[in-house]
N, C-alpha and C. Protein backbone atom coordinates (compact mmCIF):
# COMPACT_ATOMS: atom_id res chain seq x y z
N UNK A 1 -7.59 -50.86 2.07
CA UNK A 1 -8.63 -51.85 1.80
C UNK A 1 -10.00 -51.21 2.01
N UNK A 2 -10.83 -51.29 0.99
CA UNK A 2 -12.21 -50.85 1.09
C UNK A 2 -13.02 -52.01 1.68
N UNK A 3 -13.74 -51.75 2.75
CA UNK A 3 -14.52 -52.79 3.42
C UNK A 3 -16.00 -52.57 3.12
N UNK A 4 -16.59 -53.49 2.36
CA UNK A 4 -18.00 -53.41 2.01
C UNK A 4 -18.74 -54.43 2.87
N UNK A 5 -19.37 -53.95 3.91
CA UNK A 5 -20.02 -54.83 4.88
C UNK A 5 -21.54 -54.80 4.70
N UNK A 6 -22.13 -55.97 4.71
CA UNK A 6 -23.58 -56.05 4.64
C UNK A 6 -24.14 -56.41 6.00
N UNK A 7 -25.34 -55.96 6.27
CA UNK A 7 -25.99 -56.35 7.52
C UNK A 7 -27.05 -57.41 7.24
N UNK A 8 -27.17 -58.35 8.16
CA UNK A 8 -28.16 -59.40 8.04
C UNK A 8 -28.00 -60.39 9.16
N UNK A 9 -28.81 -61.42 9.15
CA UNK A 9 -28.73 -62.49 10.14
C UNK A 9 -28.28 -63.78 9.46
N UNK A 10 -27.40 -64.55 10.11
CA UNK A 10 -26.95 -65.81 9.53
C UNK A 10 -28.05 -66.87 9.62
N UNK A 11 -28.01 -67.82 8.69
CA UNK A 11 -28.95 -68.93 8.72
C UNK A 11 -29.94 -68.87 7.58
N UNK A 12 -30.29 -70.06 7.07
CA UNK A 12 -31.17 -70.15 5.91
C UNK A 12 -32.55 -69.55 6.16
N UNK A 13 -33.01 -69.59 7.40
CA UNK A 13 -34.36 -69.09 7.69
C UNK A 13 -34.46 -67.57 7.53
N UNK A 14 -33.32 -66.88 7.54
CA UNK A 14 -33.32 -65.42 7.40
C UNK A 14 -32.88 -64.95 6.02
N UNK A 15 -32.41 -65.86 5.19
CA UNK A 15 -31.69 -65.51 3.97
C UNK A 15 -32.44 -64.56 3.04
N UNK A 16 -33.77 -64.68 2.97
CA UNK A 16 -34.54 -63.85 2.04
C UNK A 16 -35.34 -62.75 2.74
N UNK A 17 -35.04 -62.52 4.02
CA UNK A 17 -35.71 -61.45 4.77
C UNK A 17 -35.33 -60.07 4.25
N UNK A 18 -36.21 -59.11 4.46
CA UNK A 18 -35.87 -57.71 4.16
C UNK A 18 -34.66 -57.26 4.96
N UNK A 19 -34.56 -57.76 6.20
CA UNK A 19 -33.45 -57.40 7.08
C UNK A 19 -32.11 -57.86 6.50
N UNK A 20 -32.13 -58.79 5.55
CA UNK A 20 -30.90 -59.34 5.00
C UNK A 20 -30.54 -58.76 3.63
N UNK A 21 -31.20 -57.69 3.22
CA UNK A 21 -30.89 -57.13 1.91
C UNK A 21 -29.45 -56.61 1.84
N UNK A 22 -28.87 -56.26 3.00
CA UNK A 22 -27.47 -55.86 3.02
C UNK A 22 -26.55 -57.00 2.62
N UNK A 23 -26.82 -58.20 3.18
CA UNK A 23 -26.06 -59.39 2.78
C UNK A 23 -26.22 -59.64 1.28
N UNK A 24 -27.46 -59.57 0.81
CA UNK A 24 -27.75 -59.89 -0.59
C UNK A 24 -27.04 -58.89 -1.52
N UNK A 25 -27.00 -57.63 -1.11
CA UNK A 25 -26.37 -56.59 -1.93
C UNK A 25 -24.87 -56.81 -2.07
N UNK A 26 -24.19 -57.10 -0.96
CA UNK A 26 -22.73 -57.29 -1.06
C UNK A 26 -22.41 -58.59 -1.80
N UNK A 27 -23.28 -59.60 -1.68
CA UNK A 27 -23.09 -60.82 -2.47
C UNK A 27 -23.17 -60.52 -3.97
N UNK A 28 -24.09 -59.63 -4.34
CA UNK A 28 -24.24 -59.27 -5.75
C UNK A 28 -23.01 -58.52 -6.25
N UNK A 29 -22.43 -57.66 -5.42
CA UNK A 29 -21.19 -56.97 -5.79
C UNK A 29 -20.07 -57.99 -5.98
N UNK A 30 -19.96 -58.93 -5.05
CA UNK A 30 -18.92 -59.97 -5.15
C UNK A 30 -19.07 -60.78 -6.43
N UNK A 31 -20.31 -61.08 -6.79
CA UNK A 31 -20.57 -61.85 -8.00
C UNK A 31 -20.22 -61.05 -9.25
N UNK A 32 -20.65 -59.79 -9.29
CA UNK A 32 -20.41 -58.93 -10.45
C UNK A 32 -18.93 -58.74 -10.70
N UNK A 33 -18.15 -58.59 -9.63
CA UNK A 33 -16.73 -58.27 -9.76
C UNK A 33 -15.82 -59.46 -9.49
N UNK A 34 -16.41 -60.65 -9.46
CA UNK A 34 -15.66 -61.91 -9.40
C UNK A 34 -14.67 -61.95 -8.23
N UNK A 35 -15.20 -61.70 -7.06
CA UNK A 35 -14.37 -61.79 -5.86
C UNK A 35 -14.00 -63.25 -5.60
N UNK A 36 -13.01 -63.44 -4.75
CA UNK A 36 -12.54 -64.77 -4.41
C UNK A 36 -13.55 -65.53 -3.57
N UNK A 37 -13.20 -66.76 -3.19
CA UNK A 37 -14.12 -67.61 -2.43
C UNK A 37 -14.37 -67.05 -1.02
N UNK A 38 -15.52 -67.43 -0.49
CA UNK A 38 -15.92 -66.97 0.84
C UNK A 38 -15.17 -67.77 1.91
N UNK A 39 -14.67 -67.05 2.91
CA UNK A 39 -13.95 -67.69 4.00
C UNK A 39 -14.44 -67.14 5.34
N UNK A 40 -14.31 -67.96 6.38
CA UNK A 40 -14.67 -67.51 7.72
C UNK A 40 -13.54 -66.63 8.26
N UNK A 41 -13.87 -65.40 8.58
CA UNK A 41 -12.87 -64.45 9.06
C UNK A 41 -13.59 -63.29 9.74
N UNK A 42 -12.97 -62.71 10.75
CA UNK A 42 -13.52 -61.55 11.45
C UNK A 42 -14.92 -61.82 12.00
N UNK A 43 -15.17 -63.01 12.52
CA UNK A 43 -16.50 -63.40 13.01
C UNK A 43 -17.55 -63.20 11.92
N UNK A 44 -17.13 -63.45 10.68
CA UNK A 44 -18.04 -63.27 9.56
C UNK A 44 -17.59 -64.11 8.38
N UNK A 45 -18.24 -63.89 7.25
CA UNK A 45 -17.86 -64.51 5.99
C UNK A 45 -17.26 -63.43 5.11
N UNK A 46 -16.04 -63.63 4.66
CA UNK A 46 -15.30 -62.59 3.95
C UNK A 46 -14.84 -63.08 2.58
N UNK A 47 -14.83 -62.16 1.62
CA UNK A 47 -14.33 -62.44 0.28
C UNK A 47 -13.49 -61.24 -0.16
N UNK A 48 -12.34 -61.50 -0.75
CA UNK A 48 -11.47 -60.43 -1.22
C UNK A 48 -11.52 -60.34 -2.74
N UNK A 49 -11.33 -59.12 -3.24
CA UNK A 49 -11.33 -58.91 -4.67
C UNK A 49 -10.96 -57.48 -5.02
N UNK A 50 -11.20 -57.13 -6.26
CA UNK A 50 -10.90 -55.78 -6.74
C UNK A 50 -12.08 -55.25 -7.55
N UNK A 51 -12.26 -53.95 -7.48
CA UNK A 51 -13.27 -53.27 -8.29
C UNK A 51 -12.54 -52.27 -9.18
N UNK A 52 -12.75 -52.38 -10.47
CA UNK A 52 -12.07 -51.49 -11.42
C UNK A 52 -12.63 -50.08 -11.34
N UNK A 53 -11.73 -49.10 -11.37
CA UNK A 53 -12.11 -47.69 -11.44
C UNK A 53 -11.24 -47.03 -12.51
N UNK A 54 -11.60 -45.83 -12.97
CA UNK A 54 -10.77 -45.14 -13.96
C UNK A 54 -9.32 -44.92 -13.50
N UNK A 55 -9.12 -44.85 -12.17
CA UNK A 55 -7.78 -44.63 -11.63
C UNK A 55 -7.05 -45.94 -11.36
N UNK A 56 -7.69 -47.05 -11.67
CA UNK A 56 -7.09 -48.35 -11.43
C UNK A 56 -7.92 -49.18 -10.47
N UNK A 57 -7.58 -50.46 -10.31
CA UNK A 57 -8.36 -51.33 -9.43
C UNK A 57 -8.22 -50.96 -7.96
N UNK A 58 -9.32 -51.10 -7.23
CA UNK A 58 -9.34 -50.83 -5.79
C UNK A 58 -9.55 -52.16 -5.07
N UNK A 59 -8.66 -52.49 -4.15
CA UNK A 59 -8.82 -53.71 -3.37
C UNK A 59 -9.99 -53.57 -2.41
N UNK A 60 -10.78 -54.61 -2.31
CA UNK A 60 -11.97 -54.54 -1.47
C UNK A 60 -12.21 -55.85 -0.76
N UNK A 61 -12.83 -55.75 0.41
CA UNK A 61 -13.25 -56.90 1.19
C UNK A 61 -14.77 -56.88 1.31
N UNK A 62 -15.40 -57.97 0.92
CA UNK A 62 -16.83 -58.15 1.16
C UNK A 62 -16.95 -58.87 2.50
N UNK A 63 -17.75 -58.31 3.40
CA UNK A 63 -17.87 -58.88 4.74
C UNK A 63 -19.33 -59.02 5.14
N UNK A 64 -19.70 -60.25 5.55
CA UNK A 64 -21.04 -60.51 6.07
C UNK A 64 -20.90 -61.00 7.51
N UNK A 65 -21.07 -60.11 8.48
CA UNK A 65 -20.94 -60.51 9.88
C UNK A 65 -21.89 -61.66 10.21
N UNK A 66 -21.37 -62.64 10.94
CA UNK A 66 -22.18 -63.78 11.36
C UNK A 66 -22.53 -63.69 12.85
N UNK A 67 -22.50 -62.50 13.36
CA UNK A 67 -22.74 -62.22 14.78
C UNK A 67 -24.19 -61.88 15.08
N UNK A 68 -25.05 -62.00 14.09
CA UNK A 68 -26.43 -61.53 14.09
C UNK A 68 -26.43 -60.00 13.96
N UNK A 69 -27.51 -59.53 13.36
CA UNK A 69 -27.65 -58.14 12.92
C UNK A 69 -27.24 -57.11 13.98
N UNK A 70 -27.76 -57.29 15.19
CA UNK A 70 -27.56 -56.27 16.22
C UNK A 70 -26.16 -56.22 16.80
N UNK A 71 -25.31 -57.20 16.41
CA UNK A 71 -23.92 -57.20 16.88
C UNK A 71 -22.93 -57.08 15.72
N UNK A 72 -23.38 -56.48 14.61
CA UNK A 72 -22.54 -56.36 13.41
C UNK A 72 -21.21 -55.69 13.68
N UNK A 73 -21.18 -54.78 14.63
CA UNK A 73 -19.97 -54.00 14.90
C UNK A 73 -18.79 -54.83 15.34
N UNK A 74 -19.03 -55.96 15.98
CA UNK A 74 -17.92 -56.82 16.41
C UNK A 74 -17.12 -57.30 15.21
N UNK A 75 -17.81 -57.70 14.17
CA UNK A 75 -17.15 -58.19 12.96
C UNK A 75 -16.50 -57.06 12.18
N UNK A 76 -17.25 -55.98 11.96
CA UNK A 76 -16.72 -54.83 11.22
C UNK A 76 -15.51 -54.24 11.94
N UNK A 77 -15.61 -54.14 13.25
CA UNK A 77 -14.50 -53.59 14.03
C UNK A 77 -13.25 -54.43 13.92
N UNK A 78 -13.40 -55.76 13.90
CA UNK A 78 -12.25 -56.65 13.77
C UNK A 78 -11.56 -56.46 12.42
N UNK A 79 -12.36 -56.29 11.35
CA UNK A 79 -11.78 -56.09 10.02
C UNK A 79 -11.07 -54.74 9.94
N UNK A 80 -11.68 -53.71 10.49
CA UNK A 80 -11.06 -52.38 10.48
C UNK A 80 -9.72 -52.41 11.22
N UNK A 81 -9.69 -53.07 12.36
CA UNK A 81 -8.45 -53.16 13.14
C UNK A 81 -7.38 -53.92 12.37
N UNK A 82 -7.75 -55.04 11.74
CA UNK A 82 -6.78 -55.86 11.01
C UNK A 82 -6.14 -55.09 9.87
N UNK A 83 -6.95 -54.36 9.10
CA UNK A 83 -6.44 -53.63 7.93
C UNK A 83 -5.96 -52.23 8.27
N UNK A 84 -6.04 -51.86 9.55
CA UNK A 84 -5.68 -50.51 9.98
C UNK A 84 -6.43 -49.47 9.13
N UNK A 85 -7.69 -49.75 8.91
CA UNK A 85 -8.54 -48.90 8.06
C UNK A 85 -9.14 -47.76 8.87
N UNK A 86 -9.64 -46.79 8.15
CA UNK A 86 -10.37 -45.68 8.74
C UNK A 86 -11.86 -45.92 8.57
N UNK A 87 -12.70 -45.27 9.38
CA UNK A 87 -14.15 -45.40 9.20
C UNK A 87 -14.60 -45.08 7.78
N UNK A 88 -13.92 -44.13 7.13
CA UNK A 88 -14.29 -43.74 5.76
C UNK A 88 -14.01 -44.85 4.75
N UNK A 89 -13.24 -45.87 5.16
CA UNK A 89 -12.97 -47.02 4.29
C UNK A 89 -14.07 -48.07 4.38
N UNK A 90 -15.05 -47.84 5.24
CA UNK A 90 -16.13 -48.80 5.47
C UNK A 90 -17.42 -48.31 4.84
N UNK A 91 -18.06 -49.17 4.05
CA UNK A 91 -19.40 -48.89 3.53
C UNK A 91 -20.31 -49.98 4.08
N UNK A 92 -21.32 -49.58 4.83
CA UNK A 92 -22.26 -50.51 5.43
C UNK A 92 -23.57 -50.51 4.64
N UNK A 93 -23.94 -51.66 4.10
CA UNK A 93 -25.17 -51.82 3.33
C UNK A 93 -26.25 -52.38 4.25
N UNK A 94 -27.40 -51.71 4.32
CA UNK A 94 -28.45 -52.21 5.20
C UNK A 94 -29.84 -51.74 4.75
N UNK A 95 -30.85 -52.43 5.28
CA UNK A 95 -32.25 -52.11 4.98
C UNK A 95 -32.66 -50.82 5.71
N UNK A 96 -33.42 -50.01 5.02
CA UNK A 96 -33.86 -48.72 5.60
C UNK A 96 -35.38 -48.61 5.49
N UNK A 97 -36.07 -48.67 6.63
CA UNK A 97 -37.53 -48.61 6.62
C UNK A 97 -38.04 -47.20 6.35
N UNK A 98 -37.19 -46.20 6.52
CA UNK A 98 -37.61 -44.82 6.29
C UNK A 98 -37.39 -44.37 4.85
N UNK A 99 -37.10 -45.32 3.97
CA UNK A 99 -37.04 -45.06 2.54
C UNK A 99 -38.07 -45.95 1.86
N UNK A 100 -38.75 -45.41 0.86
CA UNK A 100 -39.74 -46.18 0.12
C UNK A 100 -39.08 -47.40 -0.54
N UNK A 101 -39.83 -48.46 -0.77
CA UNK A 101 -39.27 -49.66 -1.40
C UNK A 101 -38.55 -49.35 -2.71
N UNK A 102 -37.30 -49.80 -2.81
CA UNK A 102 -36.52 -49.61 -4.02
C UNK A 102 -35.71 -48.33 -4.07
N UNK A 103 -35.93 -47.43 -3.13
CA UNK A 103 -35.13 -46.20 -3.10
C UNK A 103 -33.76 -46.48 -2.50
N UNK A 104 -32.81 -45.58 -2.76
CA UNK A 104 -31.44 -45.80 -2.33
C UNK A 104 -30.81 -44.48 -1.93
N UNK A 105 -30.13 -44.47 -0.81
CA UNK A 105 -29.47 -43.25 -0.35
C UNK A 105 -28.11 -43.56 0.26
N UNK A 106 -27.12 -42.75 -0.08
CA UNK A 106 -25.81 -42.80 0.56
C UNK A 106 -25.74 -41.71 1.62
N UNK A 107 -25.04 -42.01 2.69
CA UNK A 107 -24.88 -41.05 3.78
C UNK A 107 -23.59 -41.39 4.52
N UNK A 108 -22.90 -40.37 5.00
CA UNK A 108 -21.71 -40.59 5.83
C UNK A 108 -21.97 -39.99 7.20
N UNK A 109 -21.71 -40.79 8.23
CA UNK A 109 -21.88 -40.30 9.59
C UNK A 109 -23.34 -40.17 10.00
N UNK A 110 -23.53 -39.61 11.18
CA UNK A 110 -24.88 -39.42 11.71
C UNK A 110 -25.22 -40.44 12.77
N UNK A 111 -26.48 -40.42 13.18
CA UNK A 111 -26.92 -41.32 14.23
C UNK A 111 -27.38 -42.66 13.69
N UNK A 112 -27.91 -43.49 14.59
CA UNK A 112 -28.34 -44.83 14.22
C UNK A 112 -29.79 -44.88 13.78
N UNK A 113 -30.58 -43.85 14.11
CA UNK A 113 -32.00 -43.79 13.73
C UNK A 113 -32.75 -45.07 14.10
N UNK A 114 -32.43 -45.61 15.28
CA UNK A 114 -33.13 -46.78 15.76
C UNK A 114 -32.64 -48.10 15.22
N UNK A 115 -31.62 -48.08 14.35
CA UNK A 115 -31.08 -49.31 13.77
C UNK A 115 -29.98 -49.86 14.69
N UNK A 116 -30.25 -50.98 15.34
CA UNK A 116 -29.30 -51.51 16.31
C UNK A 116 -28.02 -52.02 15.67
N UNK A 117 -28.08 -52.45 14.42
CA UNK A 117 -26.87 -52.85 13.73
C UNK A 117 -25.94 -51.67 13.48
N UNK A 118 -26.52 -50.56 13.04
CA UNK A 118 -25.75 -49.33 12.84
C UNK A 118 -25.18 -48.85 14.17
N UNK A 119 -25.98 -48.95 15.21
CA UNK A 119 -25.52 -48.55 16.54
C UNK A 119 -24.33 -49.39 16.98
N UNK A 120 -24.36 -50.69 16.68
CA UNK A 120 -23.26 -51.58 17.04
C UNK A 120 -21.98 -51.22 16.29
N UNK A 121 -22.10 -50.95 14.98
CA UNK A 121 -20.93 -50.56 14.20
C UNK A 121 -20.35 -49.25 14.73
N UNK A 122 -21.23 -48.31 15.04
CA UNK A 122 -20.79 -47.03 15.60
C UNK A 122 -20.02 -47.23 16.90
N UNK A 123 -20.50 -48.14 17.74
CA UNK A 123 -19.85 -48.39 19.03
C UNK A 123 -18.43 -48.92 18.86
N UNK A 124 -18.18 -49.61 17.74
CA UNK A 124 -16.87 -50.23 17.53
C UNK A 124 -15.90 -49.39 16.71
N UNK A 125 -16.40 -48.59 15.77
CA UNK A 125 -15.48 -47.82 14.91
C UNK A 125 -15.81 -46.32 14.86
N UNK A 126 -16.81 -45.89 15.60
CA UNK A 126 -17.21 -44.49 15.53
C UNK A 126 -18.27 -44.29 14.45
N UNK A 127 -18.87 -43.08 14.38
CA UNK A 127 -19.99 -42.86 13.47
C UNK A 127 -19.64 -42.50 12.04
N UNK A 128 -18.37 -42.25 11.75
CA UNK A 128 -18.02 -41.63 10.47
C UNK A 128 -17.78 -42.61 9.33
N UNK A 129 -18.54 -43.72 9.33
CA UNK A 129 -18.47 -44.65 8.20
C UNK A 129 -19.56 -44.30 7.19
N UNK A 130 -19.45 -44.88 6.02
CA UNK A 130 -20.38 -44.60 4.92
C UNK A 130 -21.53 -45.60 4.95
N UNK A 131 -22.74 -45.10 4.72
CA UNK A 131 -23.92 -45.96 4.82
C UNK A 131 -24.63 -46.02 3.47
N UNK A 132 -24.85 -47.23 3.00
CA UNK A 132 -25.61 -47.47 1.77
C UNK A 132 -26.98 -48.00 2.20
N UNK A 133 -27.98 -47.14 2.14
CA UNK A 133 -29.29 -47.43 2.72
C UNK A 133 -30.25 -47.89 1.62
N UNK A 134 -30.73 -49.11 1.77
CA UNK A 134 -31.59 -49.76 0.77
C UNK A 134 -33.03 -49.74 1.27
N UNK A 135 -33.88 -48.98 0.60
CA UNK A 135 -35.24 -48.79 1.05
C UNK A 135 -36.09 -50.05 0.98
N UNK A 136 -36.73 -50.40 2.09
CA UNK A 136 -37.65 -51.54 2.13
C UNK A 136 -39.05 -51.13 2.57
N UNK A 137 -39.26 -49.83 2.79
CA UNK A 137 -40.57 -49.35 3.17
C UNK A 137 -40.91 -49.63 4.63
N UNK A 138 -41.98 -49.00 5.08
CA UNK A 138 -42.44 -49.09 6.46
C UNK A 138 -43.80 -49.78 6.47
N UNK A 139 -44.06 -50.66 7.42
CA UNK A 139 -45.35 -51.36 7.45
C UNK A 139 -46.53 -50.50 7.86
N UNK A 140 -46.24 -49.29 8.34
CA UNK A 140 -47.33 -48.38 8.68
C UNK A 140 -47.55 -48.19 10.16
N UNK A 141 -47.14 -49.16 10.97
CA UNK A 141 -47.32 -49.07 12.42
C UNK A 141 -46.04 -49.54 13.10
N UNK A 142 -45.56 -48.80 14.11
CA UNK A 142 -44.30 -49.15 14.77
C UNK A 142 -44.25 -50.58 15.28
N UNK A 143 -45.39 -51.08 15.80
CA UNK A 143 -45.39 -52.43 16.36
C UNK A 143 -45.25 -53.52 15.31
N UNK A 144 -45.40 -53.14 14.04
CA UNK A 144 -45.28 -54.12 12.96
C UNK A 144 -43.91 -54.12 12.30
N UNK A 145 -43.02 -53.24 12.73
CA UNK A 145 -41.71 -53.10 12.08
C UNK A 145 -40.90 -54.39 12.16
N UNK A 146 -40.82 -55.00 13.34
CA UNK A 146 -40.00 -56.20 13.49
C UNK A 146 -40.48 -57.32 12.57
N UNK A 147 -41.79 -57.53 12.54
CA UNK A 147 -42.33 -58.56 11.65
C UNK A 147 -42.09 -58.24 10.19
N UNK A 148 -42.13 -56.94 9.86
CA UNK A 148 -41.91 -56.51 8.48
C UNK A 148 -40.49 -56.83 8.03
N UNK A 149 -39.49 -56.42 8.81
CA UNK A 149 -38.10 -56.61 8.37
C UNK A 149 -37.66 -58.07 8.47
N UNK A 150 -38.32 -58.85 9.32
CA UNK A 150 -37.95 -60.26 9.46
C UNK A 150 -38.82 -61.18 8.61
N UNK A 151 -39.55 -60.60 7.67
CA UNK A 151 -40.31 -61.40 6.71
C UNK A 151 -39.65 -61.30 5.34
N UNK A 152 -39.92 -62.30 4.51
CA UNK A 152 -39.34 -62.34 3.17
C UNK A 152 -39.99 -61.31 2.25
N UNK A 153 -39.26 -60.90 1.23
CA UNK A 153 -39.83 -60.06 0.19
C UNK A 153 -40.94 -60.84 -0.50
N UNK A 154 -42.05 -60.16 -0.76
CA UNK A 154 -43.17 -60.77 -1.46
C UNK A 154 -42.81 -60.94 -2.94
N UNK A 155 -43.47 -61.90 -3.57
CA UNK A 155 -43.19 -62.17 -4.98
C UNK A 155 -43.34 -60.93 -5.85
N UNK A 156 -44.34 -60.09 -5.59
CA UNK A 156 -44.56 -58.91 -6.44
C UNK A 156 -43.48 -57.85 -6.23
N UNK A 157 -42.69 -57.97 -5.17
CA UNK A 157 -41.60 -57.03 -4.92
C UNK A 157 -40.31 -57.41 -5.65
N UNK A 158 -40.24 -58.64 -6.13
CA UNK A 158 -39.00 -59.14 -6.70
C UNK A 158 -38.44 -58.28 -7.84
N UNK A 159 -39.27 -57.73 -8.74
CA UNK A 159 -38.69 -56.92 -9.82
C UNK A 159 -37.86 -55.74 -9.32
N UNK A 160 -38.37 -54.98 -8.34
CA UNK A 160 -37.58 -53.83 -7.87
C UNK A 160 -36.39 -54.28 -7.04
N UNK A 161 -36.53 -55.38 -6.30
CA UNK A 161 -35.40 -55.89 -5.52
C UNK A 161 -34.26 -56.28 -6.45
N UNK A 162 -34.57 -57.04 -7.49
CA UNK A 162 -33.56 -57.47 -8.44
C UNK A 162 -32.91 -56.29 -9.14
N UNK A 163 -33.72 -55.33 -9.57
CA UNK A 163 -33.18 -54.14 -10.26
C UNK A 163 -32.24 -53.36 -9.35
N UNK A 164 -32.64 -53.17 -8.09
CA UNK A 164 -31.83 -52.40 -7.15
C UNK A 164 -30.50 -53.09 -6.88
N UNK A 165 -30.53 -54.39 -6.68
CA UNK A 165 -29.30 -55.12 -6.38
C UNK A 165 -28.34 -55.12 -7.57
N UNK A 166 -28.87 -55.28 -8.76
CA UNK A 166 -28.01 -55.22 -9.95
C UNK A 166 -27.39 -53.84 -10.11
N UNK A 167 -28.17 -52.80 -9.84
CA UNK A 167 -27.67 -51.43 -9.97
C UNK A 167 -26.56 -51.15 -8.96
N UNK A 168 -26.77 -51.60 -7.72
CA UNK A 168 -25.77 -51.41 -6.66
C UNK A 168 -24.43 -52.02 -7.07
N UNK A 169 -24.48 -53.19 -7.71
CA UNK A 169 -23.25 -53.87 -8.14
C UNK A 169 -22.65 -53.23 -9.38
N UNK A 170 -23.48 -52.90 -10.34
CA UNK A 170 -22.99 -52.35 -11.61
C UNK A 170 -22.32 -50.99 -11.41
N UNK A 171 -22.85 -50.20 -10.48
CA UNK A 171 -22.32 -48.85 -10.25
C UNK A 171 -21.16 -48.83 -9.26
N UNK A 172 -20.73 -50.00 -8.78
CA UNK A 172 -19.72 -50.08 -7.72
C UNK A 172 -18.41 -49.35 -8.00
N UNK A 173 -17.96 -49.19 -9.26
CA UNK A 173 -16.73 -48.42 -9.47
C UNK A 173 -16.79 -47.00 -8.91
N UNK A 174 -17.96 -46.38 -8.96
CA UNK A 174 -18.10 -45.04 -8.38
C UNK A 174 -17.95 -45.07 -6.87
N UNK A 175 -18.48 -46.12 -6.25
CA UNK A 175 -18.34 -46.27 -4.80
C UNK A 175 -16.88 -46.50 -4.43
N UNK A 176 -16.21 -47.37 -5.19
CA UNK A 176 -14.81 -47.67 -4.93
C UNK A 176 -13.92 -46.44 -5.11
N UNK A 177 -14.34 -45.54 -6.00
CA UNK A 177 -13.58 -44.31 -6.25
C UNK A 177 -13.87 -43.23 -5.22
N UNK A 178 -14.79 -43.51 -4.29
CA UNK A 178 -15.13 -42.53 -3.27
C UNK A 178 -16.14 -41.49 -3.71
N UNK A 179 -16.77 -41.74 -4.87
CA UNK A 179 -17.74 -40.79 -5.43
C UNK A 179 -19.16 -41.18 -4.98
N UNK A 180 -19.43 -41.01 -3.70
CA UNK A 180 -20.69 -41.51 -3.14
C UNK A 180 -21.92 -40.84 -3.73
N UNK A 181 -21.87 -39.54 -3.96
CA UNK A 181 -23.02 -38.84 -4.55
C UNK A 181 -23.30 -39.35 -5.96
N UNK A 182 -22.23 -39.53 -6.74
CA UNK A 182 -22.39 -40.04 -8.10
C UNK A 182 -22.87 -41.49 -8.07
N UNK A 183 -22.40 -42.24 -7.09
CA UNK A 183 -22.83 -43.63 -6.95
C UNK A 183 -24.34 -43.68 -6.70
N UNK A 184 -24.81 -42.88 -5.77
CA UNK A 184 -26.24 -42.83 -5.49
C UNK A 184 -27.04 -42.46 -6.73
N UNK A 185 -26.59 -41.45 -7.44
CA UNK A 185 -27.29 -41.00 -8.65
C UNK A 185 -27.34 -42.11 -9.70
N UNK A 186 -26.22 -42.82 -9.86
CA UNK A 186 -26.16 -43.87 -10.88
C UNK A 186 -27.05 -45.06 -10.49
N UNK A 187 -27.05 -45.42 -9.22
CA UNK A 187 -27.92 -46.52 -8.78
C UNK A 187 -29.38 -46.17 -9.05
N UNK A 188 -29.77 -44.95 -8.75
CA UNK A 188 -31.16 -44.54 -8.96
C UNK A 188 -31.48 -44.40 -10.45
N UNK A 189 -30.48 -44.09 -11.27
CA UNK A 189 -30.70 -44.04 -12.72
C UNK A 189 -30.91 -45.45 -13.27
N UNK A 190 -30.12 -46.37 -12.80
CA UNK A 190 -30.21 -47.75 -13.27
C UNK A 190 -31.45 -48.47 -12.74
N UNK A 191 -31.88 -48.08 -11.54
CA UNK A 191 -33.03 -48.73 -10.90
C UNK A 191 -33.97 -47.66 -10.35
N UNK A 192 -34.64 -46.93 -11.24
CA UNK A 192 -35.54 -45.86 -10.78
C UNK A 192 -36.68 -46.44 -9.94
N UNK A 193 -37.01 -45.73 -8.87
CA UNK A 193 -38.11 -46.16 -7.99
C UNK A 193 -38.89 -44.95 -7.53
N UNK A 194 -40.17 -45.13 -7.34
CA UNK A 194 -41.06 -44.08 -6.89
C UNK A 194 -40.65 -43.62 -5.49
N UNK A 195 -40.49 -42.31 -5.29
CA UNK A 195 -40.13 -41.80 -3.97
C UNK A 195 -41.19 -42.16 -2.96
N UNK A 196 -42.46 -42.07 -3.37
CA UNK A 196 -43.60 -42.55 -2.60
C UNK A 196 -43.57 -42.38 -1.10
N UNK A 197 -44.65 -42.72 -0.47
CA UNK A 197 -44.78 -42.72 0.98
C UNK A 197 -44.15 -44.01 1.48
N UNK A 198 -43.22 -43.90 2.43
CA UNK A 198 -42.55 -45.09 2.95
C UNK A 198 -43.55 -46.05 3.57
N UNK A 199 -44.70 -45.55 3.96
CA UNK A 199 -45.68 -46.40 4.64
C UNK A 199 -46.65 -47.08 3.68
N UNK A 200 -46.33 -47.03 2.38
CA UNK A 200 -47.18 -47.69 1.40
C UNK A 200 -46.72 -49.10 1.07
N UNK A 201 -45.76 -49.62 1.87
CA UNK A 201 -45.22 -50.94 1.55
C UNK A 201 -46.30 -52.00 1.47
N UNK A 202 -47.30 -51.95 2.34
CA UNK A 202 -48.31 -52.99 2.35
C UNK A 202 -49.14 -52.98 1.06
N UNK A 203 -49.42 -51.78 0.55
CA UNK A 203 -50.20 -51.70 -0.67
C UNK A 203 -49.40 -52.14 -1.89
N UNK A 204 -48.05 -52.23 -1.72
CA UNK A 204 -47.19 -52.66 -2.82
C UNK A 204 -46.94 -54.16 -2.76
N UNK A 205 -47.69 -54.86 -1.94
CA UNK A 205 -47.55 -56.32 -1.92
C UNK A 205 -46.77 -56.85 -0.74
N UNK A 206 -46.61 -56.04 0.29
CA UNK A 206 -45.92 -56.51 1.48
C UNK A 206 -46.67 -57.70 2.07
N UNK A 207 -45.91 -58.65 2.56
CA UNK A 207 -46.54 -59.83 3.16
C UNK A 207 -46.69 -59.63 4.67
């Protein structure tokens, strides 16, 4: 079972936050590939389905932990244990302030880089899971980071947000096939974004 987990906070007040782009991304994958209905499972909201690849369909679980962002590992760990999965079977989608808005990077393993959600997942399943990092830019000052990620995307940002989410879902067969480098390349081809300075988010319409 491929586990596609998004990071975010539960509740309507957080639904459109930058911090919730992981939730939004996995929802878009579920929509594109017609996953089943959402159910409460693994201290989260889960949907099962398949993603077509050239080698055949790959079974996948969409998981949105409802434990709040910083405790994501409790939910992901429960799913990994249930399916007897390996860390390499987990792809964690989350917001990345060290990437310019609209940029996308895949990475396997490594540290948490200050992301408490990533740290929580690492604590429960180890560091060797796959990370789908969705660039949301940096507000320019460390003390403004929390307000930045817990605020909604500005209206002028919607075009790149929509393009990135559609690309992440459309290119999913490469992810399901384990072709992470090709997946990253295809997402960036479908949704090209300026590499830019990560700290230019405010000039791009950050609220």
